[in-house]
Amino acid sequence: TLNYSNYEGTWPLPGGEGNINEDPMFIDTDSGNYFLNSYSPCIDSANGDAASKYDLRGNLRFDDPSVLNSGAGTPNYTDMGALERYRDSSPEDTRYDIEFIDPNTN
């Protein structure tokens, strides 16, 4: 059983604790940018005990001060998914939303 996972478009939700059925609010899937946008329901909502200390890109887990921690484990602010959002989601900080640069293009 998976816990603290996002099953967008799946109903009923599979058994497990902390699972959600929400739009993950990726920045731009058409261009392959799967970083979480500000206020994604996946921010600070995973199980820190089940996640690595670093995300897929080697970034440390980040506690977004503008999002209520709804995850579990230690830390309880791990994001769902492979890529951690590592900027504050407050309106003042949205200017830092990550731009995706495809390394395969010039």
C-alpha atoms as a PDB file:
ATOM      1  CA  THR A   1       0.000   0.000   0.000  1.00  0.00           C
ATOM      2  CA  LEU A   2       1.311   3.416  -0.923  1.00  0.00           C
ATOM      3  CA  ASN A   3       0.925   6.297   1.518  1.00  0.00           C
ATOM      4  CA  TYR A   4       1.185  10.065   1.085  1.00  0.00           C
ATOM      5  CA  SER A   5       0.864   9.903  -2.706  1.00  0.00           C
ATOM      6  CA  ASN A   6      -1.109  11.901  -5.267  1.00  0.00           C
ATOM      7  CA  TYR A   7      -3.443   9.855  -7.468  1.00  0.00           C
ATOM      8  CA  GLU A   8      -4.775  12.611  -9.733  1.00  0.00           C
ATOM      9  CA  GLY A   9      -7.903  11.463 -11.548  1.00  0.00           C
ATOM     10  CA  THR A  10      -8.284   8.263  -9.513  1.00  0.00           C
ATOM     11  CA  TRP A  11     -11.450   7.608  -7.552  1.00  0.00           C
ATOM     12  CA  PRO A  12     -11.928   6.012  -5.174  1.00  0.00           C
ATOM     13  CA  LEU A  13      -8.488   6.573  -3.719  1.00  0.00           C
ATOM     14  CA  PRO A  14      -6.441   3.442  -3.111  1.00  0.00           C
ATOM     15  CA  GLY A  15      -6.100   2.467   0.521  1.00  0.00           C
ATOM     16  CA  GLY A  16      -3.338   4.136   2.458  1.00  0.00           C
ATOM     17  CA  GLU A  17      -2.741   7.102   4.692  1.00  0.00           C
ATOM     18  CA  GLY A  18      -2.345  10.690   3.449  1.00  0.00           C
ATOM     19  CA  ASN A  19      -3.230   9.998  -0.191  1.00  0.00           C
ATOM     20  CA  ILE A  20      -4.827  12.768  -2.276  1.00  0.00           C
ATOM     21  CA  ASN A  21      -6.579  13.128  -5.647  1.00  0.00           C
ATOM     22  CA  GLU A  22      -5.547  16.635  -6.770  1.00  0.00           C
ATOM     23  CA  ASP A  23      -3.965  18.492  -9.672  1.00  0.00           C
ATOM     24  CA  PRO A  24      -0.264  18.514  -8.660  1.00  0.00           C
ATOM     25  CA  MET A  25       0.121  21.963 -10.301  1.00  0.00           C
ATOM     26  CA  PHE A  26       3.341  21.279 -12.185  1.00  0.00           C
ATOM     27  CA  ILE A  27       4.933  24.404 -13.661  1.00  0.00           C
ATOM     28  CA  ASP A  28       4.790  23.358 -17.345  1.00  0.00           C
ATOM     29  CA  THR A  29       4.283  19.718 -18.308  1.00  0.00           C
ATOM     30  CA  ASP A  30       4.200  20.554 -22.040  1.00  0.00           C
ATOM     31  CA  SER A  31       7.870  21.528 -21.849  1.00  0.00           C
ATOM     32  CA  GLY A  32       8.794  18.754 -19.405  1.00  0.00           C
ATOM     33  CA  ASN A  33       8.950  20.991 -16.318  1.00  0.00           C
ATOM     34  CA  TYR A  34       7.592  18.877 -13.471  1.00  0.00           C
ATOM     35  CA  PHE A  35       8.615  21.177 -10.625  1.00  0.00           C
ATOM     36  CA  LEU A  36       5.718  22.060  -8.317  1.00  0.00           C
ATOM     37  CA  ASN A  37       4.124  25.473  -8.733  1.00  0.00           C
ATOM     38  CA  SER A  38       3.305  27.701  -5.751  1.00  0.00           C
ATOM     39  CA  TYR A  39       0.595  26.288  -3.510  1.00  0.00           C
ATOM     40  CA  SER A  40       0.599  22.827  -5.079  1.00  0.00           C
ATOM     41  CA  PRO A  41      -1.242  20.379  -2.804  1.00  0.00           C
ATOM     42  CA  CYS A  42       1.876  18.164  -3.052  1.00  0.00           C
ATOM     43  CA  ILE A  43       4.090  20.687  -1.210  1.00  0.00           C
ATOM     44  CA  ASP A  44       5.033  19.660   2.341  1.00  0.00           C
ATOM     45  CA  SER A  45       2.604  16.733   2.259  1.00  0.00           C
ATOM     46  CA  ALA A  46       4.634  13.515   1.883  1.00  0.00           C
ATOM     47  CA  ASN A  47       6.143  11.120   4.393  1.00  0.00           C
ATOM     48  CA  GLY A  48       9.658  12.207   5.307  1.00  0.00           C
ATOM     49  CA  ASP A  49      10.470   8.754   6.698  1.00  0.00           C
ATOM     50  CA  ALA A  50       9.842   7.201   3.263  1.00  0.00           C
ATOM     51  CA  ALA A  51      11.698   9.849   1.230  1.00  0.00           C
ATOM     52  CA  SER A  52      15.386  10.425   0.750  1.00  0.00           C
ATOM     53  CA  LYS A  53      17.074  13.447   2.308  1.00  0.00           C
ATOM     54  CA  TYR A  54      17.565  14.857  -1.210  1.00  0.00           C
ATOM     55  CA  ASP A  55      15.283  15.105  -4.233  1.00  0.00           C
ATOM     56  CA  LEU A  56      16.087  13.740  -7.695  1.00  0.00           C
ATOM     57  CA  ARG A  57      18.285  16.746  -8.497  1.00  0.00           C
ATOM     58  CA  GLY A  58      20.218  16.581  -5.239  1.00  0.00           C
ATOM     59  CA  ASN A  59      18.367  19.411  -3.485  1.00  0.00           C
ATOM     60  CA  LEU A  60      17.745  19.103   0.247  1.00  0.00           C
ATOM     61  CA  ARG A  61      14.126  18.920   1.339  1.00  0.00           C
ATOM     62  CA  PHE A  62      12.695  22.402   1.974  1.00  0.00           C
ATOM     63  CA  ASP A  63      10.026  23.497   4.447  1.00  0.00           C
ATOM     64  CA  ASP A  64       7.854  26.040   2.599  1.00  0.00           C
ATOM     65  CA  PRO A  65       6.864  28.536   5.334  1.00  0.00           C
ATOM     66  CA  SER A  66       3.735  29.545   3.391  1.00  0.00           C
ATOM     67  CA  VAL A  67       2.298  26.012   3.299  1.00  0.00           C
ATOM     68  CA  LEU A  68       0.936  24.102   6.290  1.00  0.00           C
ATOM     69  CA  ASN A  69       2.922  20.899   6.815  1.00  0.00           C
ATOM     70  CA  SER A  70       0.474  18.052   6.233  1.00  0.00           C
ATOM     71  CA  GLY A  71       2.990  15.262   5.788  1.00  0.00           C
ATOM     72  CA  ALA A  72       4.203  12.663   8.217  1.00  0.00           C
ATOM     73  CA  GLY A  73       7.503  11.349   9.463  1.00  0.00           C
ATOM     74  CA  THR A  74      10.736  13.255   9.863  1.00  0.00           C
ATOM     75  CA  PRO A  75      10.815  15.704   8.286  1.00  0.00           C
ATOM     76  CA  ASN A  76       7.054  16.223   7.946  1.00  0.00           C
ATOM     77  CA  TYR A  77       7.532  18.774   5.161  1.00  0.00           C
ATOM     78  CA  THR A  78       8.796  16.570   2.333  1.00  0.00           C
ATOM     79  CA  ASP A  79       7.059  17.234  -0.996  1.00  0.00           C
ATOM     80  CA  MET A  80       5.265  14.493  -2.921  1.00  0.00           C
ATOM     81  CA  GLY A  81       7.107  13.594  -6.108  1.00  0.00           C
ATOM     82  CA  ALA A  82      10.683  13.439  -7.266  1.00  0.00           C
ATOM     83  CA  LEU A  83      11.390  17.192  -7.342  1.00  0.00           C
ATOM     84  CA  GLU A  84      11.282  19.337  -4.213  1.00  0.00           C
ATOM     85  CA  ARG A  85       9.947  22.871  -4.444  1.00  0.00           C
ATOM     86  CA  TYR A  86      12.626  24.839  -2.632  1.00  0.00           C
ATOM     87  CA  ARG A  87      11.161  28.340  -2.660  1.00  0.00           C
ATOM     88  CA  ASP A  88       8.555  30.021  -0.481  1.00  0.00           C
ATOM     89  CA  SER A  89       5.040  29.959  -1.993  1.00  0.00           C
ATOM     90  CA  SER A  90       4.088  33.357  -0.589  1.00  0.00           C
ATOM     91  CA  PRO A  91       2.976  35.915  -3.206  1.00  0.00           C
ATOM     92  CA  GLU A  92       6.154  37.911  -2.601  1.00  0.00           C
ATOM     93  CA  ASP A  93       8.325  34.926  -3.536  1.00  0.00           C
ATOM     94  CA  THR A  94       6.557  33.568  -6.628  1.00  0.00           C
ATOM     95  CA  ARG A  95       9.079  35.472  -8.753  1.00  0.00           C
ATOM     96  CA  TYR A  96      11.451  32.615  -7.878  1.00  0.00           C
ATOM     97  CA  ASP A  97       9.380  29.929  -9.601  1.00  0.00           C
ATOM     98  CA  ILE A  98      11.843  27.646 -11.297  1.00  0.00           C
ATOM     99  CA  GLU A  99      12.340  27.963 -15.017  1.00  0.00           C
ATOM    100  CA  PHE A 100      13.028  24.681 -16.723  1.00  0.00           C
ATOM    101  CA  ILE A 101      15.945  24.678 -19.145  1.00  0.00           C
ATOM    102  CA  ASP A 102      16.169  21.616 -21.337  1.00  0.00           C
ATOM    103  CA  PRO A 103      19.865  20.608 -21.465  1.00  0.00           C
ATOM    104  CA  ASN A 104      19.252  18.973 -24.866  1.00  0.00           C
ATOM    105  CA  THR A 105      18.452  22.256 -26.624  1.00  0.00           C
ATOM    106  CA  ASN A 106      20.738  25.137 -27.493  1.00  0.00           C
END
